N, C-alpha and C. Protein backbone atom coordinates (compact mmCIF):
# COMPACT_ATOMS: atom_id res chain seq x y z
N MET A 1 -39.93 1.21 18.94
CA MET A 1 -38.49 1.32 18.93
C MET A 1 -38.12 2.74 18.46
N ALA A 2 -37.22 3.37 19.16
CA ALA A 2 -36.81 4.73 18.81
C ALA A 2 -35.93 4.73 17.56
N ALA A 3 -36.01 5.80 16.82
CA ALA A 3 -35.17 5.94 15.63
C ALA A 3 -33.71 6.11 16.04
N VAL A 4 -32.83 5.56 15.26
CA VAL A 4 -31.39 5.69 15.52
C VAL A 4 -30.94 7.05 15.02
N GLN A 5 -30.27 7.80 15.88
CA GLN A 5 -29.78 9.11 15.51
C GLN A 5 -28.39 8.99 14.89
N PRO A 6 -28.11 9.72 13.81
CA PRO A 6 -26.78 9.66 13.20
C PRO A 6 -25.74 10.29 14.12
N HIS A 7 -24.52 9.80 14.02
CA HIS A 7 -23.42 10.37 14.81
C HIS A 7 -22.87 11.60 14.10
N SER A 8 -22.36 12.53 14.88
CA SER A 8 -21.74 13.72 14.30
C SER A 8 -20.33 13.37 13.82
N PRO A 9 -19.76 14.16 12.91
CA PRO A 9 -18.38 13.91 12.47
C PRO A 9 -17.39 13.90 13.64
N GLU A 10 -17.63 14.71 14.66
CA GLU A 10 -16.74 14.74 15.82
C GLU A 10 -16.78 13.42 16.59
N GLU A 11 -17.96 12.82 16.71
CA GLU A 11 -18.08 11.53 17.40
C GLU A 11 -17.40 10.41 16.61
N ILE A 12 -17.53 10.43 15.31
CA ILE A 12 -16.97 9.39 14.46
C ILE A 12 -15.45 9.51 14.36
N ALA A 13 -14.91 10.71 14.49
CA ALA A 13 -13.46 10.94 14.33
C ALA A 13 -12.63 10.05 15.24
N GLY A 14 -13.10 9.74 16.42
CA GLY A 14 -12.36 8.88 17.34
C GLY A 14 -12.30 7.43 16.90
N TRP A 15 -13.14 7.05 15.96
CA TRP A 15 -13.18 5.67 15.46
C TRP A 15 -12.44 5.53 14.13
N GLN A 16 -11.87 6.63 13.63
CA GLN A 16 -11.25 6.62 12.31
C GLN A 16 -9.73 6.70 12.40
N VAL A 17 -9.07 6.30 11.32
CA VAL A 17 -7.62 6.39 11.20
C VAL A 17 -7.32 6.80 9.75
N ASP A 18 -6.24 7.55 9.55
CA ASP A 18 -5.81 7.94 8.21
C ASP A 18 -4.67 7.04 7.78
N SER A 19 -4.73 6.55 6.54
CA SER A 19 -3.70 5.67 5.98
C SER A 19 -3.37 6.12 4.57
N GLN A 20 -2.18 5.75 4.09
CA GLN A 20 -1.82 5.97 2.70
C GLN A 20 -2.24 4.74 1.91
N SER A 21 -2.70 4.94 0.69
CA SER A 21 -3.11 3.83 -0.17
C SER A 21 -2.67 4.13 -1.60
N GLY A 22 -2.88 3.19 -2.48
CA GLY A 22 -2.59 3.40 -3.88
C GLY A 22 -3.49 4.44 -4.52
N PHE A 23 -4.54 4.83 -3.83
CA PHE A 23 -5.47 5.85 -4.30
C PHE A 23 -5.16 7.21 -3.70
N GLY A 24 -4.16 7.27 -2.80
CA GLY A 24 -3.85 8.49 -2.07
C GLY A 24 -4.27 8.33 -0.61
N PRO A 25 -4.31 9.42 0.14
CA PRO A 25 -4.70 9.33 1.55
C PRO A 25 -6.12 8.77 1.68
N MET A 26 -6.32 7.93 2.69
CA MET A 26 -7.62 7.29 2.89
C MET A 26 -7.98 7.35 4.38
N ARG A 27 -9.19 7.71 4.69
CA ARG A 27 -9.69 7.70 6.06
C ARG A 27 -10.67 6.54 6.18
N HIS A 28 -10.47 5.69 7.18
CA HIS A 28 -11.33 4.51 7.35
C HIS A 28 -11.50 4.22 8.83
N LEU A 29 -12.39 3.30 9.14
CA LEU A 29 -12.63 2.93 10.53
C LEU A 29 -11.49 2.10 11.08
N ARG A 30 -11.17 2.31 12.34
CA ARG A 30 -10.16 1.50 13.03
C ARG A 30 -10.71 0.08 13.22
N PRO A 31 -9.82 -0.90 13.44
CA PRO A 31 -10.31 -2.24 13.80
C PRO A 31 -11.15 -2.15 15.08
N PRO A 32 -12.15 -2.99 15.22
CA PRO A 32 -13.06 -2.88 16.36
C PRO A 32 -12.51 -3.39 17.69
N VAL A 33 -11.37 -4.06 17.68
CA VAL A 33 -10.81 -4.59 18.93
C VAL A 33 -9.37 -4.13 19.09
N THR A 34 -8.88 -4.17 20.32
CA THR A 34 -7.49 -3.88 20.63
C THR A 34 -6.89 -5.12 21.24
N LEU A 35 -5.76 -5.57 20.71
CA LEU A 35 -5.07 -6.75 21.24
C LEU A 35 -3.93 -6.29 22.13
N SER A 36 -3.61 -7.06 23.16
CA SER A 36 -2.62 -6.62 24.14
C SER A 36 -1.20 -6.55 23.57
N GLU A 37 -0.83 -7.44 22.65
CA GLU A 37 0.55 -7.45 22.17
C GLU A 37 0.69 -7.37 20.66
N THR A 38 -0.39 -7.51 19.94
CA THR A 38 -0.33 -7.49 18.48
C THR A 38 -1.11 -6.30 17.97
N PRO A 39 -0.45 -5.39 17.24
CA PRO A 39 -1.20 -4.25 16.72
C PRO A 39 -2.19 -4.71 15.64
N ALA A 40 -3.41 -4.25 15.73
CA ALA A 40 -4.42 -4.58 14.72
C ALA A 40 -4.23 -3.62 13.56
N ARG A 41 -3.70 -4.12 12.45
CA ARG A 41 -3.45 -3.29 11.28
C ARG A 41 -3.38 -4.17 10.05
N TRP A 42 -3.45 -3.55 8.89
CA TRP A 42 -3.30 -4.28 7.65
C TRP A 42 -1.83 -4.22 7.25
N ALA A 43 -1.28 -5.33 6.79
CA ALA A 43 0.14 -5.40 6.43
C ALA A 43 0.43 -4.66 5.13
N ARG A 44 -0.54 -4.57 4.25
CA ARG A 44 -0.34 -3.92 2.95
C ARG A 44 -1.43 -2.88 2.73
N PRO A 45 -1.09 -1.80 2.04
CA PRO A 45 -2.12 -0.79 1.77
C PRO A 45 -3.07 -1.23 0.66
N VAL A 46 -4.20 -0.58 0.58
CA VAL A 46 -5.16 -0.81 -0.50
C VAL A 46 -4.57 -0.24 -1.78
N VAL A 47 -4.65 -0.99 -2.87
CA VAL A 47 -4.13 -0.52 -4.17
C VAL A 47 -5.19 -0.72 -5.23
N PRO A 48 -5.11 0.03 -6.33
CA PRO A 48 -6.08 -0.15 -7.41
C PRO A 48 -6.00 -1.55 -8.02
N LEU A 49 -7.14 -2.05 -8.47
CA LEU A 49 -7.22 -3.34 -9.13
C LEU A 49 -6.27 -3.36 -10.32
N GLY A 50 -5.49 -4.44 -10.46
CA GLY A 50 -4.54 -4.57 -11.55
C GLY A 50 -3.15 -4.05 -11.24
N THR A 51 -2.92 -3.54 -10.03
CA THR A 51 -1.60 -3.04 -9.64
C THR A 51 -0.57 -4.15 -9.64
N HIS A 52 -0.95 -5.34 -9.19
CA HIS A 52 -0.03 -6.47 -9.10
C HIS A 52 -0.57 -7.64 -9.91
N GLU A 53 0.33 -8.49 -10.36
CA GLU A 53 -0.07 -9.73 -11.01
C GLU A 53 -0.72 -10.63 -9.97
N PRO A 54 -1.75 -11.40 -10.34
CA PRO A 54 -2.36 -12.31 -9.38
C PRO A 54 -1.34 -13.36 -8.91
N ALA A 55 -1.18 -13.49 -7.61
CA ALA A 55 -0.24 -14.46 -7.03
C ALA A 55 -0.64 -14.73 -5.59
N TRP A 56 -0.40 -15.94 -5.14
CA TRP A 56 -0.65 -16.29 -3.75
C TRP A 56 0.51 -15.74 -2.92
N PRO A 57 0.22 -14.92 -1.88
CA PRO A 57 1.34 -14.32 -1.11
C PRO A 57 2.18 -15.34 -0.38
């Protein structure tokens, strides 16, 4: 089996998205699928642990 070659930053850039979070700007991978009518996204940003009181949304 051949060794897996790492991707270059330019190749990975197309799979990434920039978002705002409680930690500041964050770059992460896009969702792996595209839906025809529903945007694949997170409703709330990532925040540091302890930002909110524990509660069921």
